[in-house]
Amino acid sequence: MSFYYPFGAGSVPPPNPALTGIVIYAHDGGATGDTIAFAPVNAGVIPDCSLASPLVTGLKLTALPVTTGGITVTPRA
């Protein structure tokens, strides 16, 4: 799963006021363990969050194990 979360007005973290949001990638790995990664983005438009996009592919490669809790992804019917 991957999604874009936009920053609200006045909530852009320093030092880069050009950031518009964050892309979050999470993988429900079942018995092999869950992973999560995120990256701030400064796109003028909502970035491509499809699982095959270069941005998300890069996040998959740098994803870290979830050490507490878990991620459950349930497809829509």
PDB file of N, CA and C in Angstrom:
ATOM      1  N   MET A   1       0.847  -1.152   0.000  1.00  0.00           N
ATOM      2  CA  MET A   1       0.000   0.000   0.000  1.00  0.00           C
ATOM      3  C   MET A   1       0.897   1.220   0.000  1.00  0.00           C
ATOM      4  N   SER A   2       0.482   2.246  -0.694  1.00  0.00           N
ATOM      5  CA  SER A   2       1.228   3.487  -0.740  1.00  0.00           C
ATOM      6  C   SER A   2       0.247   4.630  -0.899  1.00  0.00           C
ATOM      7  N   PHE A   3       0.513   5.721  -0.191  1.00  0.00           N
ATOM      8  CA  PHE A   3      -0.363   6.878  -0.343  1.00  0.00           C
ATOM      9  C   PHE A   3       0.399   8.168  -0.083  1.00  0.00           C
ATOM     10  N   TYR A   4      -0.198   9.266  -0.539  1.00  0.00           N
ATOM     11  CA  TYR A   4       0.369  10.607  -0.387  1.00  0.00           C
ATOM     12  C   TYR A   4      -0.447  11.348   0.660  1.00  0.00           C
ATOM     13  N   TYR A   5       0.243  11.921   1.640  1.00  0.00           N
ATOM     14  CA  TYR A   5      -0.409  12.718   2.671  1.00  0.00           C
ATOM     15  C   TYR A   5       0.092  14.153   2.532  1.00  0.00           C
ATOM     16  N   PRO A   6      -0.781  15.088   2.148  1.00  0.00           N
ATOM     17  CA  PRO A   6      -0.331  16.470   1.962  1.00  0.00           C
ATOM     18  C   PRO A   6      -0.179  17.190   3.300  1.00  0.00           C
ATOM     19  N   PHE A   7       0.793  18.074   3.378  1.00  0.00           N
ATOM     20  CA  PHE A   7       0.955  18.924   4.548  1.00  0.00           C
ATOM     21  C   PHE A   7      -0.113  20.006   4.526  1.00  0.00           C
ATOM     22  N   GLY A   8      -0.663  20.333   5.677  1.00  0.00           N
ATOM     23  CA  GLY A   8      -1.629  21.416   5.788  1.00  0.00           C
ATOM     24  C   GLY A   8      -0.922  22.761   5.740  1.00  0.00           C
ATOM     25  N   ALA A   9      -1.660  23.792   5.452  1.00  0.00           N
ATOM     26  CA  ALA A   9      -1.098  25.144   5.411  1.00  0.00           C
ATOM     27  C   ALA A   9      -0.459  25.478   6.760  1.00  0.00           C
ATOM     28  N   GLY A  10       0.758  25.979   6.722  1.00  0.00           N
ATOM     29  CA  GLY A  10       1.458  26.351   7.942  1.00  0.00           C
ATOM     30  C   GLY A  10       2.107  25.207   8.688  1.00  0.00           C
ATOM     31  N   SER A  11       2.044  23.983   8.141  1.00  0.00           N
ATOM     32  CA  SER A  11       2.619  22.842   8.854  1.00  0.00           C
ATOM     33  C   SER A  11       3.823  22.233   8.142  1.00  0.00           C
ATOM     34  N   VAL A  12       4.358  22.923   7.146  1.00  0.00           N
ATOM     35  CA  VAL A  12       5.513  22.406   6.409  1.00  0.00           C
ATOM     36  C   VAL A  12       6.735  22.441   7.320  1.00  0.00           C
ATOM     37  N   PRO A  13       7.400  21.295   7.481  1.00  0.00           N
ATOM     38  CA  PRO A  13       8.556  21.266   8.393  1.00  0.00           C
ATOM     39  C   PRO A  13       9.767  21.983   7.791  1.00  0.00           C
ATOM     40  N   PRO A  14      10.535  22.682   8.635  1.00  0.00           N
ATOM     41  CA  PRO A  14      11.782  23.263   8.134  1.00  0.00           C
ATOM     42  C   PRO A  14      12.769  22.135   7.913  1.00  0.00           C
ATOM     43  N   PRO A  15      13.797  22.245   7.140  1.00  0.00           N
ATOM     44  CA  PRO A  15      14.290  23.479   6.539  1.00  0.00           C
ATOM     45  C   PRO A  15      13.832  23.683   5.108  1.00  0.00           C
ATOM     46  N   ASN A  16      12.904  22.900   4.603  1.00  0.00           N
ATOM     47  CA  ASN A  16      12.546  23.002   3.192  1.00  0.00           C
ATOM     48  C   ASN A  16      11.083  23.399   3.023  1.00  0.00           C
ATOM     49  N   PRO A  17      10.784  24.674   2.875  1.00  0.00           N
ATOM     50  CA  PRO A  17       9.393  25.098   2.730  1.00  0.00           C
ATOM     51  C   PRO A  17       8.757  24.680   1.410  1.00  0.00           C
ATOM     52  N   ALA A  18       9.551  24.095   0.486  1.00  0.00           N
ATOM     53  CA  ALA A  18       8.995  23.652  -0.791  1.00  0.00           C
ATOM     54  C   ALA A  18       8.306  22.287  -0.675  1.00  0.00           C
ATOM     55  N   LEU A  19       8.452  21.608   0.459  1.00  0.00           N
ATOM     56  CA  LEU A  19       7.815  20.302   0.622  1.00  0.00           C
ATOM     57  C   LEU A  19       6.301  20.449   0.612  1.00  0.00           C
ATOM     58  N   THR A  20       5.635  19.549  -0.082  1.00  0.00           N
ATOM     59  CA  THR A  20       4.177  19.612  -0.159  1.00  0.00           C
ATOM     60  C   THR A  20       3.505  18.479   0.594  1.00  0.00           C
ATOM     61  N   GLY A  21       4.248  17.437   0.939  1.00  0.00           N
ATOM     62  CA  GLY A  21       3.636  16.311   1.636  1.00  0.00           C
ATOM     63  C   GLY A  21       4.622  15.176   1.821  1.00  0.00           C
ATOM     64  N   ILE A  22       4.082  14.023   2.149  1.00  0.00           N
ATOM     65  CA  ILE A  22       4.898  12.846   2.403  1.00  0.00           C
ATOM     66  C   ILE A  22       4.245  11.646   1.731  1.00  0.00           C
ATOM     67  N   VAL A  23       5.065  10.791   1.138  1.00  0.00           N
ATOM     68  CA  VAL A  23       4.579   9.537   0.570  1.00  0.00           C
ATOM     69  C   VAL A  23       4.925   8.446   1.565  1.00  0.00           C
ATOM     70  N   ILE A  24       3.935   7.628   1.894  1.00  0.00           N
ATOM     71  CA  ILE A  24       4.111   6.553   2.868  1.00  0.00           C
ATOM     72  C   ILE A  24       3.874   5.224   2.162  1.00  0.00           C
ATOM     73  N   TYR A  25       4.800   4.291   2.382  1.00  0.00           N
ATOM     74  CA  TYR A  25       4.689   2.941   1.827  1.00  0.00           C
ATOM     75  C   TYR A  25       4.625   1.971   2.998  1.00  0.00           C
ATOM     76  N   ALA A  26       3.677   1.051   2.970  1.00  0.00           N
ATOM     77  CA  ALA A  26       3.566   0.020   4.007  1.00  0.00           C
ATOM     78  C   ALA A  26       3.284  -1.312   3.334  1.00  0.00           C
ATOM     79  N   HIS A  27       3.919  -2.366   3.853  1.00  0.00           N
ATOM     80  CA  HIS A  27       3.743  -3.693   3.280  1.00  0.00           C
ATOM     81  C   HIS A  27       3.347  -4.677   4.373  1.00  0.00           C
ATOM     82  N   ASP A  28       2.236  -5.364   4.155  1.00  0.00           N
ATOM     83  CA  ASP A  28       1.776  -6.416   5.057  1.00  0.00           C
ATOM     84  C   ASP A  28       2.486  -7.697   4.640  1.00  0.00           C
ATOM     85  N   GLY A  29       3.567  -8.034   5.350  1.00  0.00           N
ATOM     86  CA  GLY A  29       4.380  -9.184   4.978  1.00  0.00           C
ATOM     87  C   GLY A  29       3.969 -10.502   5.612  1.00  0.00           C
ATOM     88  N   GLY A  30       2.847 -10.499   6.353  1.00  0.00           N
ATOM     89  CA  GLY A  30       2.391 -11.728   6.982  1.00  0.00           C
ATOM     90  C   GLY A  30       3.435 -12.275   7.937  1.00  0.00           C
ATOM     91  N   ALA A  31       3.700 -13.564   7.835  1.00  0.00           N
ATOM     92  CA  ALA A  31       4.641 -14.230   8.745  1.00  0.00           C
ATOM     93  C   ALA A  31       6.081 -13.752   8.560  1.00  0.00           C
ATOM     94  N   THR A  32       6.405 -13.172   7.394  1.00  0.00           N
ATOM     95  CA  THR A  32       7.779 -12.721   7.155  1.00  0.00           C
ATOM     96  C   THR A  32       8.044 -11.338   7.745  1.00  0.00           C
ATOM     97  N   GLY A  33       7.008 -10.659   8.228  1.00  0.00           N
ATOM     98  CA  GLY A  33       7.170  -9.355   8.863  1.00  0.00           C
ATOM     99  C   GLY A  33       6.728  -8.200   7.986  1.00  0.00           C
ATOM    100  N   ASP A  34       6.207  -7.185   8.631  1.00  0.00           N
ATOM    101  CA  ASP A  34       5.728  -5.989   7.946  1.00  0.00           C
ATOM    102  C   ASP A  34       6.857  -4.979   7.789  1.00  0.00           C
ATOM    103  N   THR A  35       6.738  -4.113   6.788  1.00  0.00           N
ATOM    104  CA  THR A  35       7.736  -3.062   6.572  1.00  0.00           C
ATOM    105  C   THR A  35       7.028  -1.750   6.280  1.00  0.00           C
ATOM    106  N   ILE A  36       7.753  -0.657   6.539  1.00  0.00           N
ATOM    107  CA  ILE A  36       7.214   0.675   6.288  1.00  0.00           C
ATOM    108  C   ILE A  36       8.349   1.609   5.887  1.00  0.00           C
ATOM    109  N   ALA A  37       8.041   2.576   5.037  1.00  0.00           N
ATOM    110  CA  ALA A  37       9.011   3.590   4.622  1.00  0.00           C
ATOM    111  C   ALA A  37       8.244   4.861   4.287  1.00  0.00           C
ATOM    112  N   PHE A  38       8.935   5.977   4.318  1.00  0.00           N
ATOM    113  CA  PHE A  38       8.300   7.238   3.959  1.00  0.00           C
ATOM    114  C   PHE A  38       9.339   8.191   3.404  1.00  0.00           C
ATOM    115  N   ALA A  39       8.862   9.159   2.618  1.00  0.00           N
ATOM    116  CA  ALA A  39       9.759  10.163   2.043  1.00  0.00           C
ATOM    117  C   ALA A  39       8.989  11.454   1.841  1.00  0.00           C
ATOM    118  N   PRO A  40       9.578  12.591   2.251  1.00  0.00           N
ATOM    119  CA  PRO A  40       8.945  13.871   1.949  1.00  0.00           C
ATOM    120  C   PRO A  40       9.095  14.163   0.461  1.00  0.00           C
ATOM    121  N   VAL A  41       8.119  14.843  -0.092  1.00  0.00           N
ATOM    122  CA  VAL A  41       8.163  15.178  -1.516  1.00  0.00           C
ATOM    123  C   VAL A  41       7.869  16.657  -1.700  1.00  0.00           C
ATOM    124  N   ASN A  42       8.422  17.211  -2.755  1.00  0.00           N
ATOM    125  CA  ASN A  42       8.147  18.610  -3.094  1.00  0.00           C
ATOM    126  C   ASN A  42       7.604  18.698  -4.503  1.00  0.00           C
ATOM    127  N   ALA A  43       6.606  17.900  -4.751  1.00  0.00           N
ATOM    128  CA  ALA A  43       5.977  17.875  -6.069  1.00  0.00           C
ATOM    129  C   ALA A  43       4.956  18.993  -6.175  1.00  0.00           C
ATOM    130  N   GLY A  44       4.820  19.554  -7.362  1.00  0.00           N
ATOM    131  CA  GLY A  44       3.800  20.564  -7.600  1.00  0.00           C
ATOM    132  C   GLY A  44       2.421  19.948  -7.719  1.00  0.00           C
ATOM    133  N   VAL A  45       2.401  18.654  -7.972  1.00  0.00           N
ATOM    134  CA  VAL A  45       1.147  17.913  -8.078  1.00  0.00           C
ATOM    135  C   VAL A  45       1.269  16.664  -7.214  1.00  0.00           C
ATOM    136  N   ILE A  46       0.171  15.995  -6.990  1.00  0.00           N
ATOM    137  CA  ILE A  46       0.215  14.765  -6.204  1.00  0.00           C
ATOM    138  C   ILE A  46       1.089  13.763  -6.955  1.00  0.00           C
ATOM    139  N   PRO A  47       2.086  13.186  -6.258  1.00  0.00           N
ATOM    140  CA  PRO A  47       2.980  12.245  -6.940  1.00  0.00           C
ATOM    141  C   PRO A  47       2.282  10.921  -7.267  1.00  0.00           C
ATOM    142  N   ASP A  48       2.875  10.180  -8.184  1.00  0.00           N
ATOM    143  CA  ASP A  48       2.364   8.865  -8.555  1.00  0.00           C
ATOM    144  C   ASP A  48       2.681   7.896  -7.414  1.00  0.00           C
ATOM    145  N   CYS A  49       1.660   7.408  -6.750  1.00  0.00           N
ATOM    146  CA  CYS A  49       1.843   6.498  -5.618  1.00  0.00           C
ATOM    147  C   CYS A  49       1.563   5.046  -5.991  1.00  0.00           C
ATOM    148  N   SER A  50       1.474   4.755  -7.294  1.00  0.00           N
ATOM    149  CA  SER A  50       1.254   3.371  -7.687  1.00  0.00           C
ATOM    150  C   SER A  50       2.459   2.533  -7.260  1.00  0.00           C
ATOM    151  N   LEU A  51       2.242   1.265  -6.967  1.00  0.00           N
ATOM    152  CA  LEU A  51       3.315   0.411  -6.459  1.00  0.00           C
ATOM    153  C   LEU A  51       4.445   0.226  -7.459  1.00  0.00           C
ATOM    154  N   ALA A  52       4.212   0.535  -8.737  1.00  0.00           N
ATOM    155  CA  ALA A  52       5.250   0.387  -9.752  1.00  0.00           C
ATOM    156  C   ALA A  52       5.996   1.696 -10.034  1.00  0.00           C
ATOM    157  N   SER A  53       5.582   2.802  -9.408  1.00  0.00           N
ATOM    158  CA  SER A  53       6.232   4.087  -9.681  1.00  0.00           C
ATOM    159  C   SER A  53       7.663   4.088  -9.145  1.00  0.00           C
ATOM    160  N   PRO A  54       8.569   4.840  -9.758  1.00  0.00           N
ATOM    161  CA  PRO A  54       9.955   4.897  -9.275  1.00  0.00           C
ATOM    162  C   PRO A  54      10.064   5.347  -7.822  1.00  0.00           C
ATOM    163  N   LEU A  55       9.228   6.298  -7.421  1.00  0.00           N
ATOM    164  CA  LEU A  55       9.261   6.762  -6.037  1.00  0.00           C
ATOM    165  C   LEU A  55       8.939   5.631  -5.065  1.00  0.00           C
ATOM    166  N   VAL A  56       7.854   4.913  -5.318  1.00  0.00           N
ATOM    167  CA  VAL A  56       7.444   3.838  -4.414  1.00  0.00           C
ATOM    168  C   VAL A  56       8.410   2.660  -4.500  1.00  0.00           C
ATOM    169  N   THR A  57       8.932   2.365  -5.686  1.00  0.00           N
ATOM    170  CA  THR A  57       9.921   1.293  -5.810  1.00  0.00           C
ATOM    171  C   THR A  57      11.140   1.598  -4.953  1.00  0.00           C
ATOM    172  N   GLY A  58      11.583   2.852  -4.943  1.00  0.00           N
ATOM    173  CA  GLY A  58      12.698   3.247  -4.089  1.00  0.00           C
ATOM    174  C   GLY A  58      12.373   3.089  -2.615  1.00  0.00           C
ATOM    175  N   LEU A  59      11.138   3.418  -2.237  1.00  0.00           N
ATOM    176  CA  LEU A  59      10.738   3.253  -0.842  1.00  0.00           C
ATOM    177  C   LEU A  59      10.717   1.782  -0.447  1.00  0.00           C
ATOM    178  N   LYS A  60      10.285   0.911  -1.369  1.00  0.00           N
ATOM    179  CA  LYS A  60      10.282  -0.524  -1.080  1.00  0.00           C
ATOM    180  C   LYS A  60      11.686  -0.995  -0.732  1.00  0.00           C
ATOM    181  N   LEU A  61      12.683  -0.477  -1.449  1.00  0.00           N
ATOM    182  CA  LEU A  61      14.060  -0.917  -1.240  1.00  0.00           C
ATOM    183  C   LEU A  61      14.629  -0.436   0.084  1.00  0.00           C
ATOM    184  N   THR A  62      14.090   0.671   0.615  1.00  0.00           N
ATOM    185  CA  THR A  62      14.617   1.218   1.863  1.00  0.00           C
ATOM    186  C   THR A  62      13.678   0.984   3.045  1.00  0.00           C
ATOM    187  N   ALA A  63      12.639   0.189   2.846  1.00  0.00           N
ATOM    188  CA  ALA A  63      11.654  -0.038   3.902  1.00  0.00           C
ATOM    189  C   ALA A  63      12.295  -0.714   5.112  1.00  0.00           C
ATOM    190  N   LEU A  64      11.848  -0.292   6.284  1.00  0.00           N
ATOM    191  CA  LEU A  64      12.363  -0.826   7.542  1.00  0.00           C
ATOM    192  C   LEU A  64      11.332  -1.757   8.177  1.00  0.00           C
ATOM    193  N   PRO A  65      11.806  -2.742   8.953  1.00  0.00           N
ATOM    194  CA  PRO A  65      10.853  -3.642   9.614  1.00  0.00           C
ATOM    195  C   PRO A  65      10.021  -2.906  10.658  1.00  0.00           C
ATOM    196  N   VAL A  66       8.780  -3.301  10.799  1.00  0.00           N
ATOM    197  CA  VAL A  66       7.921  -2.775  11.845  1.00  0.00           C
ATOM    198  C   VAL A  66       8.235  -3.584  13.098  1.00  0.00           C
ATOM    199  N   THR A  67       8.702  -2.917  14.154  1.00  0.00           N
ATOM    200  CA  THR A  67       9.152  -3.639  15.346  1.00  0.00           C
ATOM    201  C   THR A  67       8.074  -3.782  16.411  1.00  0.00           C
ATOM    202  N   THR A  68       7.047  -2.948  16.371  1.00  0.00           N
ATOM    203  CA  THR A  68       5.918  -3.112  17.280  1.00  0.00           C
ATOM    204  C   THR A  68       4.640  -2.920  16.492  1.00  0.00           C
ATOM    205  N   GLY A  69       3.612  -3.591  16.893  1.00  0.00           N
ATOM    206  CA  GLY A  69       2.346  -3.498  16.180  1.00  0.00           C
ATOM    207  C   GLY A  69       2.417  -4.240  14.864  1.00  0.00           C
ATOM    208  N   GLY A  70       1.537  -3.914  13.960  1.00  0.00           N
ATOM    209  CA  GLY A  70       1.505  -4.592  12.674  1.00  0.00           C
ATOM    210  C   GLY A  70       0.716  -3.796  11.665  1.00  0.00           C
ATOM    211  N   ILE A  71       0.852  -4.200  10.425  1.00  0.00           N
ATOM    212  CA  ILE A  71       0.147  -3.563   9.314  1.00  0.00           C
ATOM    213  C   ILE A  71      -0.760  -4.612   8.694  1.00  0.00           C
ATOM    214  N   THR A  72      -2.019  -4.259   8.524  1.00  0.00           N
ATOM    215  CA  THR A  72      -2.958  -5.144   7.863  1.00  0.00           C
ATOM    216  C   THR A  72      -3.534  -4.409   6.670  1.00  0.00           C
ATOM    217  N   VAL A  73      -3.382  -4.981   5.501  1.00  0.00           N
ATOM    218  CA  VAL A  73      -3.937  -4.398   4.282  1.00  0.00           C
ATOM    219  C   VAL A  73      -5.075  -5.289   3.825  1.00  0.00           C
ATOM    220  N   THR A  74      -6.266  -4.718   3.729  1.00  0.00           N
ATOM    221  CA  THR A  74      -7.438  -5.468   3.312  1.00  0.00           C
ATOM    222  C   THR A  74      -7.953  -4.894   2.003  1.00  0.00           C
ATOM    223  N   PRO A  75      -7.896  -5.668   0.916  1.00  0.00           N
ATOM    224  CA  PRO A  75      -8.379  -5.156  -0.364  1.00  0.00           C
ATOM    225  C   PRO A  75      -9.883  -4.878  -0.309  1.00  0.00           C
ATOM    226  N   ARG A  76     -10.300  -3.865  -1.072  1.00  0.00           N
ATOM    227  CA  ARG A  76     -11.732  -3.596  -1.178  1.00  0.00           C
ATOM    228  C   ARG A  76     -12.396  -4.711  -1.954  1.00  0.00           C
ATOM    229  N   ALA A  77     -13.621  -5.001  -1.602  1.00  0.00           N
ATOM    230  CA  ALA A  77     -14.377  -6.072  -2.287  1.00  0.00           C
ATOM    231  C   ALA A  77     -14.838  -5.615  -3.639  1.00  0.00           C
TER     232      ALA A  77
END
